[in-house]
C-alpha atoms as a PDB file:
ATOM      1  CA  MET A   1      -7.882  18.047   7.071  1.00  0.00           C
ATOM      2  CA  THR A   2      -4.469  17.321   5.548  1.00  0.00           C
ATOM      3  CA  GLY A   3      -2.317  14.438   6.545  1.00  0.00           C
ATOM      4  CA  LYS A   4      -4.680  11.483   6.192  1.00  0.00           C
ATOM      5  CA  VAL A   5      -5.168   8.277   4.574  1.00  0.00           C
ATOM      6  CA  THR A   6      -7.664   8.370   1.992  1.00  0.00           C
ATOM      7  CA  GLY A   7      -7.611   4.532   0.688  1.00  0.00           C
ATOM      8  CA  ILE A   8      -5.456   2.037  -0.653  1.00  0.00           C
ATOM      9  CA  GLY A   9      -2.936   2.732  -3.352  1.00  0.00           C
ATOM     10  CA  GLY A  10      -1.862  -0.463  -3.945  1.00  0.00           C
ATOM     11  CA  LEU A  11      -1.204  -4.057  -2.649  1.00  0.00           C
ATOM     12  CA  PHE A  12       2.090  -5.904  -3.773  1.00  0.00           C
ATOM     13  CA  PHE A  13       3.032  -9.356  -3.282  1.00  0.00           C
ATOM     14  CA  ARG A  14       5.439 -12.019  -4.648  1.00  0.00           C
ATOM     15  CA  ALA A  15       4.284 -14.646  -7.026  1.00  0.00           C
ATOM     16  CA  ARG A  16       6.524 -17.220  -8.924  1.00  0.00           C
ATOM     17  CA  ASP A  17       5.210 -16.221 -12.042  1.00  0.00           C
ATOM     18  CA  PRO A  18       3.640 -12.835 -11.869  1.00  0.00           C
ATOM     19  CA  GLN A  19       2.449 -12.314 -15.759  1.00  0.00           C
ATOM     20  CA  THR A  20       0.379 -15.669 -15.577  1.00  0.00           C
ATOM     21  CA  LEU A  21      -0.857 -14.767 -11.917  1.00  0.00           C
ATOM     22  CA  ALA A  22      -1.843 -10.988 -13.227  1.00  0.00           C
ATOM     23  CA  ALA A  23      -3.660 -12.514 -16.272  1.00  0.00           C
ATOM     24  CA  TRP A  24      -5.767 -15.341 -13.765  1.00  0.00           C
ATOM     25  CA  TYR A  25      -6.768 -12.078 -11.677  1.00  0.00           C
ATOM     26  CA  ALA A  26      -7.860 -10.222 -14.723  1.00  0.00           C
ATOM     27  CA  THR A  27      -9.414 -13.140 -16.694  1.00  0.00           C
ATOM     28  CA  HIS A  28     -11.336 -14.608 -13.196  1.00  0.00           C
ATOM     29  CA  LEU A  29     -11.982 -11.384 -11.248  1.00  0.00           C
ATOM     30  CA  GLY A  30     -11.614  -8.275 -13.396  1.00  0.00           C
ATOM     31  CA  VAL A  31      -8.945  -7.124 -11.453  1.00  0.00           C
ATOM     32  CA  GLY A  32      -5.743  -5.378 -12.702  1.00  0.00           C
ATOM     33  CA  GLY A  33      -5.165  -6.554 -16.233  1.00  0.00           C
ATOM     34  CA  ASP A  34      -2.504  -3.426 -16.833  1.00  0.00           C
ATOM     35  CA  PRO A  35      -2.239  -3.540 -13.758  1.00  0.00           C
ATOM     36  CA  VAL A  36      -4.064  -0.586 -12.684  1.00  0.00           C
ATOM     37  CA  TRP A  37      -7.871  -1.554 -11.496  1.00  0.00           C
ATOM     38  CA  PRO A  38     -10.145   1.408 -11.244  1.00  0.00           C
ATOM     39  CA  GLN A  39     -12.380   0.709  -8.155  1.00  0.00           C
ATOM     40  CA  GLU A  40     -15.523   2.085  -7.693  1.00  0.00           C
ATOM     41  CA  ALA A  41     -16.285   4.334  -4.608  1.00  0.00           C
ATOM     42  CA  GLY A  42     -17.213   2.224  -1.573  1.00  0.00           C
ATOM     43  CA  PRO A  43     -15.855   0.377   1.598  1.00  0.00           C
ATOM     44  CA  THR A  44     -12.795  -1.409   2.183  1.00  0.00           C
ATOM     45  CA  VAL A  45     -12.641  -3.628   4.974  1.00  0.00           C
ATOM     46  CA  PHE A  46      -9.448  -3.166   7.242  1.00  0.00           C
ATOM     47  CA  ALA A  47      -9.212  -6.056   9.617  1.00  0.00           C
ATOM     48  CA  PRO A  48      -6.046  -7.346  11.520  1.00  0.00           C
ATOM     49  CA  PHE A  49      -6.316 -10.824  12.196  1.00  0.00           C
ATOM     50  CA  LYS A  50      -4.860 -13.149  14.630  1.00  0.00           C
ATOM     51  CA  ALA A  51      -1.082 -13.912  14.490  1.00  0.00           C
ATOM     52  CA  ASP A  52      -1.980 -17.637  13.965  1.00  0.00           C
ATOM     53  CA  THR A  53      -4.656 -17.273  11.501  1.00  0.00           C
ATOM     54  CA  ASP A  54      -4.944 -20.040   8.678  1.00  0.00           C
ATOM     55  CA  TYR A  55      -7.006 -17.676   6.633  1.00  0.00           C
ATOM     56  CA  TRP A  56      -3.827 -17.618   4.383  1.00  0.00           C
ATOM     57  CA  PRO A  57      -0.351 -19.044   4.376  1.00  0.00           C
ATOM     58  CA  GLU A  58       1.809 -18.255   7.223  1.00  0.00           C
ATOM     59  CA  ARG A  59       4.578 -17.395   5.080  1.00  0.00           C
ATOM     60  CA  THR A  60       2.807 -15.195   2.607  1.00  0.00           C
ATOM     61  CA  GLN A  61       4.418 -12.230   2.306  1.00  0.00           C
ATOM     62  CA  TRP A  62       2.890  -8.448   1.483  1.00  0.00           C
ATOM     63  CA  MET A  63       3.233  -4.545   1.471  1.00  0.00           C
ATOM     64  CA  LEU A  64       0.208  -2.351   1.985  1.00  0.00           C
ATOM     65  CA  ASN A  65       0.046   0.637   0.002  1.00  0.00           C
ATOM     66  CA  LEU A  66      -2.072   3.367   1.558  1.00  0.00           C
ATOM     67  CA  ARG A  67      -2.907   6.570  -0.778  1.00  0.00           C
ATOM     68  CA  VAL A  68      -2.383   9.772   1.262  1.00  0.00           C
ATOM     69  CA  THR A  69      -2.980  13.405   1.084  1.00  0.00           C
ATOM     70  CA  GLY A  70      -0.929  15.945   2.954  1.00  0.00           C
ATOM     71  CA  LEU A  71       2.179  13.518   2.926  1.00  0.00           C
ATOM     72  CA  ASP A  72       4.749  15.593   4.785  1.00  0.00           C
ATOM     73  CA  ASP A  73       1.954  16.694   7.879  1.00  0.00           C
ATOM     74  CA  LEU A  74       1.334  12.875   8.047  1.00  0.00           C
ATOM     75  CA  LEU A  75       4.856  11.957   8.425  1.00  0.00           C
ATOM     76  CA  ALA A  76       5.273  14.982  10.962  1.00  0.00           C
ATOM     77  CA  ARG A  77       2.650  13.423  13.104  1.00  0.00           C
ATOM     78  CA  LEU A  78       3.974  10.010  12.827  1.00  0.00           C
ATOM     79  CA  ALA A  79       7.424  11.194  14.115  1.00  0.00           C
ATOM     80  CA  ALA A  80       5.759  12.987  16.820  1.00  0.00           C
ATOM     81  CA  ALA A  81       4.339   9.506  17.857  1.00  0.00           C
ATOM     82  CA  GLY A  82       7.943   7.913  17.251  1.00  0.00           C
ATOM     83  CA  ILE A  83       6.955   6.104  14.131  1.00  0.00           C
ATOM     84  CA  GLU A  84      10.120   6.521  12.113  1.00  0.00           C
ATOM     85  CA  ALA A  85       9.561   6.711   8.299  1.00  0.00           C
ATOM     86  CA  GLU A  86      11.847   5.894   5.261  1.00  0.00           C
ATOM     87  CA  THR A  87      12.185   8.496   2.416  1.00  0.00           C
ATOM     88  CA  ARG A  88      14.121   8.656  -0.410  1.00  0.00           C
ATOM     89  CA  PRO A  89      12.773  11.411  -2.827  1.00  0.00           C
ATOM     90  CA  GLU A  90      15.454  10.988  -5.404  1.00  0.00           C
ATOM     91  CA  GLU A  91      14.799   7.372  -5.772  1.00  0.00           C
ATOM     92  CA  TRP A  92      11.345   7.149  -5.099  1.00  0.00           C
ATOM     93  CA  ASP A  93       9.450   9.991  -5.858  1.00  0.00           C
ATOM     94  CA  HIS A  94       8.498  10.969  -9.478  1.00  0.00           C
ATOM     95  CA  PRO A  95       6.306  14.129 -10.682  1.00  0.00           C
ATOM     96  CA  GLU A  96       4.180  11.714 -12.885  1.00  0.00           C
ATOM     97  CA  VAL A  97       3.898   9.176 -10.362  1.00  0.00           C
ATOM     98  CA  GLY A  98       3.685  10.965  -6.764  1.00  0.00           C
ATOM     99  CA  ARG A  99       5.807  10.685  -3.503  1.00  0.00           C
ATOM    100  CA  PHE A 100       6.266   7.721  -1.396  1.00  0.00           C
ATOM    101  CA  ALA A 101       7.343   6.851   2.404  1.00  0.00           C
ATOM    102  CA  ARG A 102       7.632   3.523   3.964  1.00  0.00           C
ATOM    103  CA  ILE A 103       6.658   2.881   7.635  1.00  0.00           C
ATOM    104  CA  HIS A 104       6.329  -0.476   9.452  1.00  0.00           C
ATOM    105  CA  ASP A 105       3.393  -1.520  11.826  1.00  0.00           C
ATOM    106  CA  PRO A 106       4.468  -2.782  15.113  1.00  0.00           C
ATOM    107  CA  GLU A 107       4.755  -6.229  13.961  1.00  0.00           C
ATOM    108  CA  GLY A 108       7.347  -5.027  11.425  1.00  0.00           C
ATOM    109  CA  ASN A 109       5.132  -5.298   8.033  1.00  0.00           C
ATOM    110  CA  PRO A 110       5.933  -2.649   5.877  1.00  0.00           C
ATOM    111  CA  ILE A 111       3.500  -0.248   4.791  1.00  0.00           C
ATOM    112  CA  GLU A 112       4.131   2.082   1.866  1.00  0.00           C
ATOM    113  CA  LEU A 113       2.642   5.606   2.052  1.00  0.00           C
ATOM    114  CA  TRP A 114       1.867   7.134  -1.706  1.00  0.00           C
ATOM    115  CA  GLU A 115       0.629  10.752  -2.357  1.00  0.00           C
ATOM    116  CA  PRO A 116      -0.343  10.895  -6.089  1.00  0.00           C
ATOM    117  CA  PRO A 117       0.433  13.622  -8.158  1.00  0.00           C
ATOM    118  CA  ALA A 118      -1.855  16.889  -7.653  1.00  0.00           C
END
């Protein structure tokens, strides 16, 4: 089946001192470092939290990046469901990196769809 999400391609968040924070993650958790983090195969938890959760700060900003295959097919299915997608091929897409599109969830949170190069 084409046009499906195959995993998380990245999680991007704001930091006052990105280099120091990245170094902390690499040093203490073994995450990143260059900033690519090779992961082992295994499950990923995907769990929406209640809007009033205190699990993380209320004002924390994020953007979820989902790795996909068959981006065009997926975008067509999303459009058929009334979900608008933004694409900027000349700005976002690069042969060595892949292709991108952005959508928003029902609460307005941004989701980046990334199809890595073949």
